[in-house]
Amino acid sequence: MGVTKRHIHPMQANKLADYAKVLSNPARVAILNYIGDCEGCLCKDISEKIRLSQPTTSQHLQVIKKIGLLKSKFEGKSQYYRINVDKLNELKSLFQEFFETTESKCC
């Protein structure tokens, strides 16, 4: 497999690709949709809702959290997840700008 050569692309293109990679998995999309409905969600509750094992759900949560779309806090031994609204707005802006720019060039 080849090298991605991220350094030759603008930072904005790399960010957009990173977000797209996270959203390319339907389980992660389902997780984000579910977490958007609650103030703070436990991995156990998320895994039950999207019908994946807890370890698989936990792995997906870490991928989403790593890119910054999730925040988490511990209460005792429990970790609660919620949407990082600032990053969600960044994602929305990046995609909107991408589609508007692409559309203006071609259509």
C-alpha atoms as a PDB file:
ATOM      1  CA  MET A   1       0.000   0.000   0.000  1.00  0.00           C
ATOM      2  CA  GLY A   2       1.335   3.448  -0.923  1.00  0.00           C
ATOM      3  CA  VAL A   3       2.087   6.478   1.179  1.00  0.00           C
ATOM      4  CA  THR A   4      -0.733   9.031   1.433  1.00  0.00           C
ATOM      5  CA  LYS A   5       1.548  12.058   0.980  1.00  0.00           C
ATOM      6  CA  ARG A   6      -0.645  14.146   3.251  1.00  0.00           C
ATOM      7  CA  HIS A   7       1.997  16.844   3.309  1.00  0.00           C
ATOM      8  CA  ILE A   8       1.333  17.779  -0.344  1.00  0.00           C
ATOM      9  CA  HIS A   9      -2.340  18.545   0.312  1.00  0.00           C
ATOM     10  CA  PRO A  10      -3.785  21.601   2.059  1.00  0.00           C
ATOM     11  CA  MET A  11      -4.554  21.177   5.756  1.00  0.00           C
ATOM     12  CA  GLN A  12      -8.251  21.690   5.033  1.00  0.00           C
ATOM     13  CA  ALA A  13      -8.257  18.784   2.551  1.00  0.00           C
ATOM     14  CA  ASN A  14      -6.587  16.534   5.121  1.00  0.00           C
ATOM     15  CA  LYS A  15      -9.103  17.511   7.811  1.00  0.00           C
ATOM     16  CA  LEU A  16     -12.001  16.860   5.456  1.00  0.00           C
ATOM     17  CA  ALA A  17     -10.569  13.442   4.554  1.00  0.00           C
ATOM     18  CA  ASP A  18     -10.073  12.595   8.243  1.00  0.00           C
ATOM     19  CA  TYR A  19     -13.694  13.450   9.058  1.00  0.00           C
ATOM     20  CA  ALA A  20     -14.904  11.524   6.001  1.00  0.00           C
ATOM     21  CA  LYS A  21     -12.938   8.471   7.127  1.00  0.00           C
ATOM     22  CA  VAL A  22     -14.597   8.556  10.545  1.00  0.00           C
ATOM     23  CA  LEU A  23     -18.035   8.977   8.966  1.00  0.00           C
ATOM     24  CA  SER A  24     -17.426   6.237   6.398  1.00  0.00           C
ATOM     25  CA  ASN A  25     -18.383   3.570   8.911  1.00  0.00           C
ATOM     26  CA  PRO A  26     -22.154   3.202   9.450  1.00  0.00           C
ATOM     27  CA  ALA A  27     -21.643   2.130  13.063  1.00  0.00           C
ATOM     28  CA  ARG A  28     -19.896   5.433  13.801  1.00  0.00           C
ATOM     29  CA  VAL A  29     -22.695   7.362  12.120  1.00  0.00           C
ATOM     30  CA  ALA A  30     -25.215   5.460  14.262  1.00  0.00           C
ATOM     31  CA  ILE A  31     -23.163   6.200  17.379  1.00  0.00           C
ATOM     32  CA  LEU A  32     -23.066   9.923  16.619  1.00  0.00           C
ATOM     33  CA  ASN A  33     -26.811   9.967  15.915  1.00  0.00           C
ATOM     34  CA  TYR A  34     -27.556   8.214  19.183  1.00  0.00           C
ATOM     35  CA  ILE A  35     -25.224  10.360  21.274  1.00  0.00           C
ATOM     36  CA  GLY A  36     -26.799  13.462  19.765  1.00  0.00           C
ATOM     37  CA  ASP A  37     -30.060  12.459  21.441  1.00  0.00           C
ATOM     38  CA  CYS A  38     -28.685  12.302  24.977  1.00  0.00           C
ATOM     39  CA  GLU A  39     -26.804  14.572  27.348  1.00  0.00           C
ATOM     40  CA  GLY A  40     -24.201  11.958  28.224  1.00  0.00           C
ATOM     41  CA  CYS A  41     -24.153   8.360  27.081  1.00  0.00           C
ATOM     42  CA  LEU A  42     -22.435   5.300  28.467  1.00  0.00           C
ATOM     43  CA  CYS A  43     -20.712   2.836  26.143  1.00  0.00           C
ATOM     44  CA  LYS A  44     -23.000   0.092  27.464  1.00  0.00           C
ATOM     45  CA  ASP A  45     -26.139   2.040  26.496  1.00  0.00           C
ATOM     46  CA  ILE A  46     -24.717   2.946  23.083  1.00  0.00           C
ATOM     47  CA  SER A  47     -23.762  -0.663  22.328  1.00  0.00           C
ATOM     48  CA  GLU A  48     -27.248  -1.864  23.273  1.00  0.00           C
ATOM     49  CA  LYS A  49     -28.904   0.778  21.091  1.00  0.00           C
ATOM     50  CA  ILE A  50     -26.800   0.146  17.970  1.00  0.00           C
ATOM     51  CA  ARG A  51     -26.610  -3.620  18.616  1.00  0.00           C
ATOM     52  CA  LEU A  52     -22.832  -4.018  18.602  1.00  0.00           C
ATOM     53  CA  SER A  53     -20.672  -5.603  21.257  1.00  0.00           C
ATOM     54  CA  GLN A  54     -19.349  -3.303  23.946  1.00  0.00           C
ATOM     55  CA  PRO A  55     -15.680  -3.769  22.899  1.00  0.00           C
ATOM     56  CA  THR A  56     -16.523  -2.948  19.260  1.00  0.00           C
ATOM     57  CA  THR A  57     -18.536   0.086  20.318  1.00  0.00           C
ATOM     58  CA  SER A  58     -15.690   1.206  22.553  1.00  0.00           C
ATOM     59  CA  GLN A  59     -13.237   0.986  19.637  1.00  0.00           C
ATOM     60  CA  HIS A  60     -15.530   3.108  17.469  1.00  0.00           C
ATOM     61  CA  LEU A  61     -15.957   5.631  20.286  1.00  0.00           C
ATOM     62  CA  GLN A  62     -12.183   6.009  20.542  1.00  0.00           C
ATOM     63  CA  VAL A  63     -11.870   6.658  16.792  1.00  0.00           C
ATOM     64  CA  ILE A  64     -14.592   9.308  16.949  1.00  0.00           C
ATOM     65  CA  LYS A  65     -13.100  10.832  20.094  1.00  0.00           C
ATOM     66  CA  LYS A  66      -9.594  10.920  18.604  1.00  0.00           C
ATOM     67  CA  ILE A  67     -10.763  13.218  15.804  1.00  0.00           C
ATOM     68  CA  GLY A  68     -12.457  15.421  18.388  1.00  0.00           C
ATOM     69  CA  LEU A  69     -16.132  14.857  17.591  1.00  0.00           C
ATOM     70  CA  LEU A  70     -16.756  13.471  21.066  1.00  0.00           C
ATOM     71  CA  LYS A  71     -16.022  14.703  24.539  1.00  0.00           C
ATOM     72  CA  SER A  72     -16.110  12.434  27.530  1.00  0.00           C
ATOM     73  CA  LYS A  73     -16.092  12.733  31.280  1.00  0.00           C
ATOM     74  CA  PHE A  74     -15.718  10.238  34.047  1.00  0.00           C
ATOM     75  CA  GLU A  75     -18.139   9.941  36.912  1.00  0.00           C
ATOM     76  CA  GLY A  76     -16.644   7.329  39.176  1.00  0.00           C
ATOM     77  CA  LYS A  77     -15.737   4.419  36.920  1.00  0.00           C
ATOM     78  CA  SER A  78     -18.285   5.363  34.250  1.00  0.00           C
ATOM     79  CA  GLN A  79     -17.289   7.342  31.167  1.00  0.00           C
ATOM     80  CA  TYR A  80     -20.022   9.474  29.602  1.00  0.00           C
ATOM     81  CA  TYR A  81     -19.788  10.603  25.967  1.00  0.00           C
ATOM     82  CA  ARG A  82     -21.318  13.640  24.337  1.00  0.00           C
ATOM     83  CA  ILE A  83     -20.975  15.486  21.042  1.00  0.00           C
ATOM     84  CA  ASN A  84     -18.302  18.181  20.809  1.00  0.00           C
ATOM     85  CA  VAL A  85     -20.472  20.887  19.238  1.00  0.00           C
ATOM     86  CA  ASP A  86     -17.491  23.024  18.165  1.00  0.00           C
ATOM     87  CA  LYS A  87     -15.975  20.140  16.184  1.00  0.00           C
ATOM     88  CA  LEU A  88     -19.378  19.196  14.776  1.00  0.00           C
ATOM     89  CA  ASN A  89     -19.762  22.754  13.487  1.00  0.00           C
ATOM     90  CA  GLU A  90     -16.244  22.592  12.017  1.00  0.00           C
ATOM     91  CA  LEU A  91     -17.139  19.360  10.226  1.00  0.00           C
ATOM     92  CA  LYS A  92     -20.334  20.913   8.901  1.00  0.00           C
ATOM     93  CA  SER A  93     -18.489  23.996   7.637  1.00  0.00           C
ATOM     94  CA  LEU A  94     -15.743  21.965   5.950  1.00  0.00           C
ATOM     95  CA  PHE A  95     -18.227  19.773   4.103  1.00  0.00           C
ATOM     96  CA  GLN A  96     -20.466  22.693   3.179  1.00  0.00           C
ATOM     97  CA  GLU A  97     -17.531  24.694   1.816  1.00  0.00           C
ATOM     98  CA  PHE A  98     -16.251  21.654  -0.095  1.00  0.00           C
ATOM     99  CA  PHE A  99     -19.601  21.010  -1.775  1.00  0.00           C
ATOM    100  CA  GLU A 100     -20.262  24.671  -2.524  1.00  0.00           C
ATOM    101  CA  THR A 101     -16.785  25.139  -4.031  1.00  0.00           C
ATOM    102  CA  THR A 102     -17.024  21.951  -6.075  1.00  0.00           C
ATOM    103  CA  GLU A 103     -20.504  22.816  -7.296  1.00  0.00           C
ATOM    104  CA  SER A 104     -19.485  26.334  -8.312  1.00  0.00           C
ATOM    105  CA  LYS A 105     -16.685  24.899 -10.464  1.00  0.00           C
ATOM    106  CA  CYS A 106     -18.716  22.288 -12.280  1.00  0.00           C
ATOM    107  CA  CYS A 107     -22.356  23.261 -12.405  1.00  0.00           C
END
